Amino acid sequence: MEEHEEKMVLEHTPVPGYRKAFYIVMAVGVIYLALVFFRVLF
């Protein structure tokens, strides 16, 4: 006797503008780290 339980799927609708904001924040972080890295070297 097998019992099959259905899997719960957690879904959400994407927030508009989130992807653009994520890329902007990542770019600022990478630029900041690059500036710090080059200041230490030179």
C-alpha atoms as a PDB file:
ATOM      1  CA  MET A   1       0.000   0.000   0.000  1.00  0.00           C
ATOM      2  CA  GLU A   2       1.673   3.123  -1.220  1.00  0.00           C
ATOM      3  CA  GLU A   3       0.624   6.606  -0.244  1.00  0.00           C
ATOM      4  CA  HIS A   4       1.521   9.402  -2.635  1.00  0.00           C
ATOM      5  CA  GLU A   5       1.901  12.840  -1.186  1.00  0.00           C
ATOM      6  CA  GLU A   6       1.912  15.783  -3.533  1.00  0.00           C
ATOM      7  CA  LYS A   7       4.962  18.020  -3.443  1.00  0.00           C
ATOM      8  CA  MET A   8       4.433  21.599  -2.378  1.00  0.00           C
ATOM      9  CA  VAL A   9       5.751  24.052  -4.949  1.00  0.00           C
ATOM     10  CA  LEU A  10       6.743  27.448  -3.617  1.00  0.00           C
ATOM     11  CA  GLU A  11       6.306  30.003  -6.382  1.00  0.00           C
ATOM     12  CA  HIS A  12       6.329  33.757  -6.584  1.00  0.00           C
ATOM     13  CA  THR A  13       5.918  36.290  -9.323  1.00  0.00           C
ATOM     14  CA  PRO A  14       9.127  38.130 -10.251  1.00  0.00           C
ATOM     15  CA  VAL A  15       9.469  41.686  -8.993  1.00  0.00           C
ATOM     16  CA  PRO A  16       9.927  44.133 -11.882  1.00  0.00           C
ATOM     17  CA  GLY A  17      13.243  45.968 -11.779  1.00  0.00           C
ATOM     18  CA  TYR A  18      14.918  43.512  -9.425  1.00  0.00           C
ATOM     19  CA  ARG A  19      17.268  42.067 -12.040  1.00  0.00           C
ATOM     20  CA  LYS A  20      18.419  45.526 -13.166  1.00  0.00           C
ATOM     21  CA  ALA A  21      19.020  46.617  -9.561  1.00  0.00           C
ATOM     22  CA  PHE A  22      20.931  43.396  -8.869  1.00  0.00           C
ATOM     23  CA  TYR A  23      23.275  43.978 -11.817  1.00  0.00           C
ATOM     24  CA  ILE A  24      23.842  47.613 -10.823  1.00  0.00           C
ATOM     25  CA  VAL A  25      24.709  46.655  -7.243  1.00  0.00           C
ATOM     26  CA  MET A  26      27.029  43.874  -8.435  1.00  0.00           C
ATOM     27  CA  ALA A  27      28.787  46.255 -10.873  1.00  0.00           C
ATOM     28  CA  VAL A  28      29.317  48.854  -8.136  1.00  0.00           C
ATOM     29  CA  GLY A  29      30.710  46.163  -5.829  1.00  0.00           C
ATOM     30  CA  VAL A  30      33.110  44.826  -8.464  1.00  0.00           C
ATOM     31  CA  ILE A  31      34.317  48.347  -9.334  1.00  0.00           C
ATOM     32  CA  TYR A  32      34.855  49.113  -5.649  1.00  0.00           C
ATOM     33  CA  LEU A  33      36.846  45.915  -5.097  1.00  0.00           C
ATOM     34  CA  ALA A  34      38.907  46.603  -8.237  1.00  0.00           C
ATOM     35  CA  LEU A  35      39.752  50.103  -6.986  1.00  0.00           C
ATOM     36  CA  VAL A  36      40.797  48.751  -3.586  1.00  0.00           C
ATOM     37  CA  PHE A  37      42.853  46.015  -5.238  1.00  0.00           C
ATOM     38  CA  PHE A  38      44.717  48.425  -7.536  1.00  0.00           C
ATOM     39  CA  ARG A  39      45.355  50.905  -4.699  1.00  0.00           C
ATOM     40  CA  VAL A  40      47.052  48.153  -2.704  1.00  0.00           C
ATOM     41  CA  LEU A  41      49.206  47.148  -5.659  1.00  0.00           C
ATOM     42  CA  PHE A  42      50.347  50.638  -6.691  1.00  0.00           C
END
